[in-house]
Amino acid sequence: MNLKPLGDRVVIKIVEAEDKTKSGIVLPSSAKEQPQMAEVVAVGGDIANDDKKKNQIKVNDKVIFSKYAGTEVKIDGEELTILKFNDILAVVE
């Protein structure tokens, strides 16, 4: 199934957090923080048509987003998040 966001929305896929700390301690899932880094899967039409925004973000970019932003959905067994363009804080290069 293809997911096409509307307006200035972006679809992202969360990048999994590390299971170990730098010192080698294994973290249980209950102790992990929700990751704030994700990969852009799709962008809405308003972003693609806006010259300023389309140069800032594109599909496959790694981004950092606001902690409690977006709506989580499950499509074809894959967990995705739909959020507004303004909830993206930075692009990781």
C-alpha atoms as a PDB file:
ATOM      1  CA  MET A   1       0.000   0.000   0.000  1.00  0.00           C
ATOM      2  CA  ASN A   2       1.243   3.474  -0.839  1.00  0.00           C
ATOM      3  CA  LEU A   3       0.736   6.252   1.711  1.00  0.00           C
ATOM      4  CA  LYS A   4       0.456   9.799   0.327  1.00  0.00           C
ATOM      5  CA  PRO A   5       0.364  12.537   2.988  1.00  0.00           C
ATOM      6  CA  LEU A   6      -1.858  15.568   2.452  1.00  0.00           C
ATOM      7  CA  GLY A   7      -0.879  19.232   2.729  1.00  0.00           C
ATOM      8  CA  ASP A   8       2.269  19.968   4.712  1.00  0.00           C
ATOM      9  CA  ARG A   9       2.430  16.533   6.333  1.00  0.00           C
ATOM     10  CA  VAL A  10       5.405  14.148   6.282  1.00  0.00           C
ATOM     11  CA  VAL A  11       5.423  10.355   6.746  1.00  0.00           C
ATOM     12  CA  ILE A  12       8.417   9.054   8.693  1.00  0.00           C
ATOM     13  CA  LYS A  13       9.702   5.668   9.812  1.00  0.00           C
ATOM     14  CA  ILE A  14      11.320   5.608  13.259  1.00  0.00           C
ATOM     15  CA  VAL A  15      14.973   4.576  13.427  1.00  0.00           C
ATOM     16  CA  GLU A  16      15.382   2.026  16.224  1.00  0.00           C
ATOM     17  CA  ALA A  17      17.329   3.077  19.321  1.00  0.00           C
ATOM     18  CA  GLU A  18      20.453   1.271  20.490  1.00  0.00           C
ATOM     19  CA  ASP A  19      19.979  -1.736  22.785  1.00  0.00           C
ATOM     20  CA  LYS A  20      23.217  -1.024  24.663  1.00  0.00           C
ATOM     21  CA  THR A  21      24.799   1.984  26.303  1.00  0.00           C
ATOM     22  CA  LYS A  22      28.301   3.082  25.343  1.00  0.00           C
ATOM     23  CA  SER A  23      29.638   1.220  28.377  1.00  0.00           C
ATOM     24  CA  GLY A  24      28.011  -2.037  27.184  1.00  0.00           C
ATOM     25  CA  ILE A  25      24.973  -2.204  29.490  1.00  0.00           C
ATOM     26  CA  VAL A  26      21.995  -3.847  27.768  1.00  0.00           C
ATOM     27  CA  LEU A  27      18.797  -1.816  28.136  1.00  0.00           C
ATOM     28  CA  PRO A  28      15.395  -3.484  28.499  1.00  0.00           C
ATOM     29  CA  SER A  29      12.636  -2.082  26.267  1.00  0.00           C
ATOM     30  CA  SER A  30      10.937  -0.441  29.264  1.00  0.00           C
ATOM     31  CA  ALA A  31      14.056   1.642  29.995  1.00  0.00           C
ATOM     32  CA  LYS A  32      14.473   2.964  26.466  1.00  0.00           C
ATOM     33  CA  GLU A  33      13.359   6.422  25.478  1.00  0.00           C
ATOM     34  CA  GLN A  34      11.218   6.834  22.394  1.00  0.00           C
ATOM     35  CA  PRO A  35      13.657   7.591  19.565  1.00  0.00           C
ATOM     36  CA  GLN A  36      13.405  11.015  17.969  1.00  0.00           C
ATOM     37  CA  MET A  37      15.292  10.161  14.795  1.00  0.00           C
ATOM     38  CA  ALA A  38      13.505   8.885  11.702  1.00  0.00           C
ATOM     39  CA  GLU A  39      13.741   8.432   7.956  1.00  0.00           C
ATOM     40  CA  VAL A  40      11.384  10.369   5.668  1.00  0.00           C
ATOM     41  CA  VAL A  41       9.163   7.981   3.683  1.00  0.00           C
ATOM     42  CA  ALA A  42       6.887  10.502   1.900  1.00  0.00           C
ATOM     43  CA  VAL A  43       6.172  14.241   1.788  1.00  0.00           C
ATOM     44  CA  GLY A  44       2.893  16.030   1.166  1.00  0.00           C
ATOM     45  CA  GLY A  45       2.004  18.057  -1.913  1.00  0.00           C
ATOM     46  CA  ASP A  46       2.299  21.443  -0.181  1.00  0.00           C
ATOM     47  CA  ILE A  47       5.944  20.686   0.629  1.00  0.00           C
ATOM     48  CA  ALA A  48       6.734  19.359  -2.850  1.00  0.00           C
ATOM     49  CA  ASN A  49       5.234  22.483  -4.461  1.00  0.00           C
ATOM     50  CA  ASP A  50       6.889  25.009  -2.115  1.00  0.00           C
ATOM     51  CA  ASP A  51      10.371  25.936  -3.412  1.00  0.00           C
ATOM     52  CA  LYS A  52      11.645  26.824   0.064  1.00  0.00           C
ATOM     53  CA  LYS A  53      10.380  23.663   1.798  1.00  0.00           C
ATOM     54  CA  LYS A  54      11.208  21.143  -0.941  1.00  0.00           C
ATOM     55  CA  ASN A  55      14.881  22.142  -0.741  1.00  0.00           C
ATOM     56  CA  GLN A  56      14.898  21.526   3.027  1.00  0.00           C
ATOM     57  CA  ILE A  57      13.533  17.970   3.149  1.00  0.00           C
ATOM     58  CA  LYS A  58      13.133  15.027   0.789  1.00  0.00           C
ATOM     59  CA  VAL A  59      12.407  11.296   0.878  1.00  0.00           C
ATOM     60  CA  ASN A  60      15.163   9.181   2.537  1.00  0.00           C
ATOM     61  CA  ASP A  61      16.466  12.104   4.636  1.00  0.00           C
ATOM     62  CA  LYS A  62      17.215  11.304   8.287  1.00  0.00           C
ATOM     63  CA  VAL A  63      15.425  13.816  10.542  1.00  0.00           C
ATOM     64  CA  ILE A  64      14.989  14.689  14.195  1.00  0.00           C
ATOM     65  CA  PHE A  65      11.435  15.531  15.225  1.00  0.00           C
ATOM     66  CA  SER A  66       9.571  16.884  18.271  1.00  0.00           C
ATOM     67  CA  LYS A  67       9.197  14.374  21.081  1.00  0.00           C
ATOM     68  CA  TYR A  68       5.389  14.079  21.219  1.00  0.00           C
ATOM     69  CA  ALA A  69       4.610  15.010  17.601  1.00  0.00           C
ATOM     70  CA  GLY A  70       2.619  13.095  15.050  1.00  0.00           C
ATOM     71  CA  THR A  71       0.170  10.264  14.770  1.00  0.00           C
ATOM     72  CA  GLU A  72       1.377   6.675  14.715  1.00  0.00           C
ATOM     73  CA  VAL A  73      -0.164   4.334  12.124  1.00  0.00           C
ATOM     74  CA  LYS A  74       0.469   0.745  11.088  1.00  0.00           C
ATOM     75  CA  ILE A  75       0.354   0.068   7.335  1.00  0.00           C
ATOM     76  CA  ASP A  76       1.112  -3.414   5.956  1.00  0.00           C
ATOM     77  CA  GLY A  77       2.757  -4.376   9.255  1.00  0.00           C
ATOM     78  CA  GLU A  78       5.073  -1.352   9.169  1.00  0.00           C
ATOM     79  CA  GLU A  79       4.860   1.286  11.901  1.00  0.00           C
ATOM     80  CA  LEU A  80       4.902   4.826  10.509  1.00  0.00           C
ATOM     81  CA  THR A  81       4.319   8.297  11.931  1.00  0.00           C
ATOM     82  CA  ILE A  82       2.527  11.149  10.165  1.00  0.00           C
ATOM     83  CA  LEU A  83       3.482  14.610  11.367  1.00  0.00           C
ATOM     84  CA  LYS A  84       3.445  18.230  10.251  1.00  0.00           C
ATOM     85  CA  PHE A  85       6.429  19.782   8.520  1.00  0.00           C
ATOM     86  CA  ASN A  86       6.815  22.216  11.453  1.00  0.00           C
ATOM     87  CA  ASP A  87       7.374  19.295  13.858  1.00  0.00           C
ATOM     88  CA  ILE A  88      10.643  18.402  12.104  1.00  0.00           C
ATOM     89  CA  LEU A  89      13.480  20.063  13.987  1.00  0.00           C
ATOM     90  CA  ALA A  90      16.536  19.150  11.901  1.00  0.00           C
ATOM     91  CA  VAL A  91      17.891  17.085   9.024  1.00  0.00           C
ATOM     92  CA  VAL A  92      20.831  14.840   9.937  1.00  0.00           C
ATOM     93  CA  GLU A  93      23.569  14.904   7.307  1.00  0.00           C
END
